[in-house]
PDB file of N, CA and C in Angstrom:
ATOM      1  N   UNK A   1     -13.171 -13.387 -16.291  1.00  0.00           N
ATOM      2  CA  UNK A   1     -12.031 -12.982 -15.948  1.00  0.00           C
ATOM      3  C   UNK A   1     -11.427 -12.647 -17.402  1.00  0.00           C
ATOM      4  N   UNK A   2     -11.369 -13.131 -18.537  1.00  0.00           N
ATOM      5  CA  UNK A   2     -10.843 -12.835 -19.498  1.00  0.00           C
ATOM      6  C   UNK A   2     -11.356 -10.871 -20.187  1.00  0.00           C
ATOM      7  N   UNK A   3     -12.259 -10.981 -19.770  1.00  0.00           N
ATOM      8  CA  UNK A   3     -12.948  -9.403 -20.088  1.00  0.00           C
ATOM      9  C   UNK A   3     -12.321  -8.488 -19.336  1.00  0.00           C
ATOM     10  N   UNK A   4     -11.873  -8.788 -17.973  1.00  0.00           N
ATOM     11  CA  UNK A   4     -11.532  -8.088 -16.871  1.00  0.00           C
ATOM     12  C   UNK A   4     -10.136  -7.929 -17.463  1.00  0.00           C
ATOM     13  N   UNK A   5      -9.329  -9.137 -17.889  1.00  0.00           N
ATOM     14  CA  UNK A   5      -7.993  -8.962 -18.494  1.00  0.00           C
ATOM     15  C   UNK A   5      -7.599  -8.293 -19.458  1.00  0.00           C
ATOM     16  N   UNK A   6      -8.368  -8.134 -20.548  1.00  0.00           N
ATOM     17  CA  UNK A   6      -8.940  -6.954 -21.425  1.00  0.00           C
ATOM     18  C   UNK A   6      -8.819  -5.664 -20.948  1.00  0.00           C
ATOM     19  N   UNK A   7      -9.079  -5.570 -19.907  1.00  0.00           N
ATOM     20  CA  UNK A   7      -9.169  -3.674 -19.303  1.00  0.00           C
ATOM     21  C   UNK A   7      -7.877  -3.337 -18.558  1.00  0.00           C
ATOM     22  N   UNK A   8      -7.006  -4.398 -18.527  1.00  0.00           N
ATOM     23  CA  UNK A   8      -5.743  -4.148 -17.669  1.00  0.00           C
ATOM     24  C   UNK A   8      -4.430  -3.573 -18.066  1.00  0.00           C
ATOM     25  N   UNK A   9      -3.637  -2.469 -18.548  1.00  0.00           N
ATOM     26  CA  UNK A   9      -2.966  -1.650 -18.813  1.00  0.00           C
ATOM     27  C   UNK A   9      -1.394  -3.237 -19.031  1.00  0.00           C
ATOM     28  N   UNK A  10      -1.213  -3.045 -20.459  1.00  0.00           N
ATOM     29  CA  UNK A  10       0.062  -4.052 -20.333  1.00  0.00           C
ATOM     30  C   UNK A  10       1.304  -3.775 -19.440  1.00  0.00           C
ATOM     31  N   UNK A  11       1.005  -3.298 -18.472  1.00  0.00           N
ATOM     32  CA  UNK A  11       2.885  -2.735 -17.461  1.00  0.00           C
ATOM     33  C   UNK A  11       2.306  -4.013 -15.900  1.00  0.00           C
ATOM     34  N   UNK A  12       3.527  -4.019 -15.201  1.00  0.00           N
ATOM     35  CA  UNK A  12       3.501  -5.086 -14.050  1.00  0.00           C
ATOM     36  C   UNK A  12       3.073  -4.101 -13.384  1.00  0.00           C
ATOM     37  N   UNK A  13       2.066  -4.816 -12.288  1.00  0.00           N
ATOM     38  CA  UNK A  13       1.964  -4.092 -10.871  1.00  0.00           C
ATOM     39  C   UNK A  13       1.770  -4.737  -9.684  1.00  0.00           C
ATOM     40  N   UNK A  14       1.719  -4.863  -8.775  1.00  0.00           N
ATOM     41  CA  UNK A  14       1.786  -5.178  -7.211  1.00  0.00           C
ATOM     42  C   UNK A  14       0.897  -5.054  -6.517  1.00  0.00           C
ATOM     43  N   UNK A  15       0.291  -5.943  -6.110  1.00  0.00           N
ATOM     44  CA  UNK A  15      -0.689  -5.753  -4.792  1.00  0.00           C
ATOM     45  C   UNK A  15      -0.123  -5.896  -3.604  1.00  0.00           C
ATOM     46  N   UNK A  16      -0.499  -4.855  -2.650  1.00  0.00           N
ATOM     47  CA  UNK A  16       0.577  -4.500  -1.480  1.00  0.00           C
ATOM     48  C   UNK A  16      -0.961  -4.399  -0.359  1.00  0.00           C
ATOM     49  N   UNK A  17      -0.564  -5.425   0.641  1.00  0.00           N
ATOM     50  CA  UNK A  17      -1.411  -5.317   1.701  1.00  0.00           C
ATOM     51  C   UNK A  17      -0.648  -4.690   3.364  1.00  0.00           C
ATOM     52  N   UNK A  18      -1.395  -3.775   3.531  1.00  0.00           N
ATOM     53  CA  UNK A  18      -0.758  -2.984   4.851  1.00  0.00           C
ATOM     54  C   UNK A  18      -1.609  -3.543   5.813  1.00  0.00           C
ATOM     55  N   UNK A  19      -0.634  -4.144   6.467  1.00  0.00           N
ATOM     56  CA  UNK A  19      -1.339  -4.682   7.799  1.00  0.00           C
ATOM     57  C   UNK A  19      -1.033  -4.313   9.275  1.00  0.00           C
ATOM     58  N   UNK A  20      -1.501  -4.540  10.403  1.00  0.00           N
ATOM     59  CA  UNK A  20      -1.141  -4.132  11.595  1.00  0.00           C
ATOM     60  C   UNK A  20      -1.250  -5.270  12.266  1.00  0.00           C
ATOM     61  N   UNK A  21      -0.514  -5.183  13.370  1.00  0.00           N
ATOM     62  CA  UNK A  21      -0.669  -6.654  14.822  1.00  0.00           C
ATOM     63  C   UNK A  21      -2.205  -6.640  14.915  1.00  0.00           C
ATOM     64  N   UNK A  22      -2.899  -7.647  15.113  1.00  0.00           N
ATOM     65  CA  UNK A  22      -3.884  -8.166  16.112  1.00  0.00           C
ATOM     66  C   UNK A  22      -4.052  -7.359  17.477  1.00  0.00           C
ATOM     67  N   UNK A  23      -2.783  -7.099  17.919  1.00  0.00           N
ATOM     68  CA  UNK A  23      -2.908  -6.731  19.597  1.00  0.00           C
ATOM     69  C   UNK A  23      -3.017  -5.073  19.501  1.00  0.00           C
ATOM     70  N   UNK A  24      -3.051  -4.496  18.119  1.00  0.00           N
ATOM     71  CA  UNK A  24      -3.622  -3.017  17.874  1.00  0.00           C
ATOM     72  C   UNK A  24      -5.036  -2.949  17.650  1.00  0.00           C
ATOM     73  N   UNK A  25      -5.624  -3.931  17.597  1.00  0.00           N
ATOM     74  CA  UNK A  25      -7.003  -3.906  16.882  1.00  0.00           C
ATOM     75  C   UNK A  25      -7.992  -3.319  17.794  1.00  0.00           C
ATOM     76  N   UNK A  26      -7.722  -3.748  18.858  1.00  0.00           N
ATOM     77  CA  UNK A  26      -8.882  -2.601  20.098  1.00  0.00           C
ATOM     78  C   UNK A  26      -8.330  -1.210  20.557  1.00  0.00           C
ATOM     79  N   UNK A  27      -7.339  -0.480  20.205  1.00  0.00           N
ATOM     80  CA  UNK A  27      -6.963   0.737  20.062  1.00  0.00           C
ATOM     81  C   UNK A  27      -7.412   1.298  19.019  1.00  0.00           C
ATOM     82  N   UNK A  28      -7.139   0.702  17.664  1.00  0.00           N
ATOM     83  CA  UNK A  28      -7.931   1.213  16.107  1.00  0.00           C
ATOM     84  C   UNK A  28      -9.328   1.219  16.356  1.00  0.00           C
ATOM     85  N   UNK A  29     -10.212   0.115  16.855  1.00  0.00           N
ATOM     86  CA  UNK A  29     -11.730   0.139  17.053  1.00  0.00           C
ATOM     87  C   UNK A  29     -12.157   1.891  17.685  1.00  0.00           C
ATOM     88  N   UNK A  30     -11.459   2.042  18.511  1.00  0.00           N
ATOM     89  CA  UNK A  30     -11.870   3.446  19.520  1.00  0.00           C
ATOM     90  C   UNK A  30     -11.215   4.970  18.780  1.00  0.00           C
ATOM     91  N   UNK A  31     -10.094   4.763  17.929  1.00  0.00           N
ATOM     92  CA  UNK A  31      -9.595   5.544  17.238  1.00  0.00           C
ATOM     93  C   UNK A  31      -9.298   5.575  15.865  1.00  0.00           C
ATOM     94  N   UNK A  32     -10.319   5.216  15.081  1.00  0.00           N
ATOM     95  CA  UNK A  32     -10.499   4.834  13.717  1.00  0.00           C
ATOM     96  C   UNK A  32      -9.720   5.788  13.009  1.00  0.00           C
ATOM     97  N   UNK A  33     -10.162   7.593  12.909  1.00  0.00           N
ATOM     98  CA  UNK A  33      -9.746   8.289  12.289  1.00  0.00           C
ATOM     99  C   UNK A  33      -8.310   8.270  12.450  1.00  0.00           C
ATOM    100  N   UNK A  34      -7.751   8.359  13.654  1.00  0.00           N
ATOM    101  CA  UNK A  34      -6.339   8.905  13.910  1.00  0.00           C
ATOM    102  C   UNK A  34      -5.454   7.899  13.091  1.00  0.00           C
ATOM    103  N   UNK A  35      -5.866   6.930  13.965  1.00  0.00           N
ATOM    104  CA  UNK A  35      -4.764   5.499  13.859  1.00  0.00           C
ATOM    105  C   UNK A  35      -4.824   4.773  12.172  1.00  0.00           C
ATOM    106  N   UNK A  36      -6.011   5.115  11.356  1.00  0.00           N
ATOM    107  CA  UNK A  36      -5.663   4.974   9.998  1.00  0.00           C
ATOM    108  C   UNK A  36      -5.231   5.932   9.086  1.00  0.00           C
ATOM    109  N   UNK A  37      -4.978   6.960   9.325  1.00  0.00           N
ATOM    110  CA  UNK A  37      -4.521   7.923   9.115  1.00  0.00           C
ATOM    111  C   UNK A  37      -3.077   7.820   9.255  1.00  0.00           C
ATOM    112  N   UNK A  38      -2.291   7.480  10.420  1.00  0.00           N
ATOM    113  CA  UNK A  38      -1.165   7.282  10.584  1.00  0.00           C
ATOM    114  C   UNK A  38      -0.467   6.019   9.748  1.00  0.00           C
ATOM    115  N   UNK A  39      -1.876   5.061   9.952  1.00  0.00           N
ATOM    116  CA  UNK A  39      -1.215   3.949   9.196  1.00  0.00           C
ATOM    117  C   UNK A  39      -1.077   3.718   7.570  1.00  0.00           C
ATOM    118  N   UNK A  40      -1.925   4.594   6.597  1.00  0.00           N
ATOM    119  CA  UNK A  40      -1.663   4.939   5.438  1.00  0.00           C
ATOM    120  C   UNK A  40      -0.586   5.927   5.232  1.00  0.00           C
ATOM    121  N   UNK A  41      -0.372   6.556   5.949  1.00  0.00           N
ATOM    122  CA  UNK A  41       0.260   7.582   5.520  1.00  0.00           C
ATOM    123  C   UNK A  41       2.004   6.692   5.639  1.00  0.00           C
ATOM    124  N   UNK A  42       2.274   5.890   6.449  1.00  0.00           N
ATOM    125  CA  UNK A  42       3.139   5.430   6.904  1.00  0.00           C
ATOM    126  C   UNK A  42       3.365   4.586   5.637  1.00  0.00           C
ATOM    127  N   UNK A  43       2.404   3.969   5.267  1.00  0.00           N
ATOM    128  CA  UNK A  43       2.532   3.047   4.351  1.00  0.00           C
ATOM    129  C   UNK A  43       2.955   3.427   3.000  1.00  0.00           C
ATOM    130  N   UNK A  44       2.021   4.363   2.576  1.00  0.00           N
ATOM    131  CA  UNK A  44       2.490   5.125   1.487  1.00  0.00           C
ATOM    132  C   UNK A  44       3.720   5.609   1.719  1.00  0.00           C
ATOM    133  N   UNK A  45       4.232   6.141   2.741  1.00  0.00           N
ATOM    134  CA  UNK A  45       5.643   7.000   2.660  1.00  0.00           C
ATOM    135  C   UNK A  45       6.751   5.727   2.470  1.00  0.00           C
ATOM    136  N   UNK A  46       6.525   4.200   3.292  1.00  0.00           N
ATOM    137  CA  UNK A  46       7.309   3.290   2.927  1.00  0.00           C
ATOM    138  C   UNK A  46       7.316   2.873   1.555  1.00  0.00           C
ATOM    139  N   UNK A  47       6.326   2.397   0.656  1.00  0.00           N
ATOM    140  CA  UNK A  47       6.227   2.114  -0.431  1.00  0.00           C
ATOM    141  C   UNK A  47       6.923   3.003  -1.748  1.00  0.00           C
ATOM    142  N   UNK A  48       6.643   4.515  -1.222  1.00  0.00           N
ATOM    143  CA  UNK A  48       7.640   5.329  -2.342  1.00  0.00           C
ATOM    144  C   UNK A  48       8.820   5.311  -1.967  1.00  0.00           C
ATOM    145  N   UNK A  49       9.451   5.347  -0.547  1.00  0.00           N
ATOM    146  CA  UNK A  49      10.714   5.058  -0.549  1.00  0.00           C
ATOM    147  C   UNK A  49      11.208   3.924  -0.891  1.00  0.00           C
ATOM    148  N   UNK A  50      10.765   2.336  -0.674  1.00  0.00           N
ATOM    149  CA  UNK A  50      11.136   1.437  -1.139  1.00  0.00           C
ATOM    150  C   UNK A  50      11.112   1.566  -2.621  1.00  0.00           C
ATOM    151  N   UNK A  51      10.065   1.999  -3.406  1.00  0.00           N
ATOM    152  CA  UNK A  51      10.064   2.089  -4.855  1.00  0.00           C
ATOM    153  C   UNK A  51      11.350   2.949  -5.392  1.00  0.00           C
ATOM    154  N   UNK A  52      11.942   3.644  -4.859  1.00  0.00           N
ATOM    155  CA  UNK A  52      12.837   4.964  -5.239  1.00  0.00           C
ATOM    156  C   UNK A  52      14.255   4.206  -5.117  1.00  0.00           C
ATOM    157  N   UNK A  53      13.988   3.239  -4.458  1.00  0.00           N
ATOM    158  CA  UNK A  53      15.607   2.459  -4.463  1.00  0.00           C
ATOM    159  C   UNK A  53      15.770   1.308  -5.441  1.00  0.00           C
ATOM    160  N   UNK A  54      17.147   1.712  -5.853  1.00  0.00           N
ATOM    161  CA  UNK A  54      17.085   0.381  -7.003  1.00  0.00           C
ATOM    162  C   UNK A  54      17.429  -1.066  -6.881  1.00  0.00           C
ATOM    163  N   UNK A  55      17.816  -0.751  -5.554  1.00  0.00           N
ATOM    164  CA  UNK A  55      17.536  -2.708  -5.340  1.00  0.00           C
ATOM    165  C   UNK A  55      15.944  -2.970  -5.478  1.00  0.00           C
ATOM    166  N   UNK A  56      15.158  -2.029  -5.382  1.00  0.00           N
ATOM    167  CA  UNK A  56      13.765  -2.721  -5.297  1.00  0.00           C
ATOM    168  C   UNK A  56      12.942  -2.428  -6.697  1.00  0.00           C
ATOM    169  N   UNK A  57      12.663  -1.146  -7.096  1.00  0.00           N
ATOM    170  CA  UNK A  57      12.027  -0.765  -8.248  1.00  0.00           C
ATOM    171  C   UNK A  57      12.872   0.486  -8.789  1.00  0.00           C
ATOM    172  N   UNK A  58      13.477   1.007  -8.466  1.00  0.00           N
ATOM    173  CA  UNK A  58      14.415   2.155  -8.637  1.00  0.00           C
ATOM    174  C   UNK A  58      13.178   2.749  -9.422  1.00  0.00           C
ATOM    175  N   UNK A  59      12.288   3.180  -9.227  1.00  0.00           N
ATOM    176  CA  UNK A  59      11.252   4.296 -10.272  1.00  0.00           C
ATOM    177  C   UNK A  59      10.350   5.298  -9.389  1.00  0.00           C
ATOM    178  N   UNK A  60       9.781   5.895  -9.591  1.00  0.00           N
ATOM    179  CA  UNK A  60       8.699   6.772  -9.199  1.00  0.00           C
ATOM    180  C   UNK A  60       7.605   5.955  -9.349  1.00  0.00           C
ATOM    181  N   UNK A  61       6.962   5.598  -7.729  1.00  0.00           N
ATOM    182  CA  UNK A  61       5.291   5.309  -7.965  1.00  0.00           C
ATOM    183  C   UNK A  61       4.402   6.051  -8.976  1.00  0.00           C
ATOM    184  N   UNK A  62       3.624   5.881  -9.371  1.00  0.00           N
ATOM    185  CA  UNK A  62       2.810   6.645  -9.883  1.00  0.00           C
ATOM    186  C   UNK A  62       1.286   5.675  -9.458  1.00  0.00           C
ATOM    187  N   UNK A  63       0.351   7.070  -8.947  1.00  0.00           N
ATOM    188  CA  UNK A  63      -1.121   6.320  -8.098  1.00  0.00           C
ATOM    189  C   UNK A  63      -1.944   6.808  -8.704  1.00  0.00           C
TER     190      UNK A  63
END
């Protein structure tokens, strides 16, 4: 762990997990390309919007 810690930049970061309701799993399994695309687009847009809000981060997210 010490070796991995030395590789980190000296900045704060957040780990975010984007989930969907279990009821949607069967639908996702048969339409993975479309639904994963929608899921990640919605998650990305949400994180960018919340990041810009001064109540949360008040900054532009970096990728």
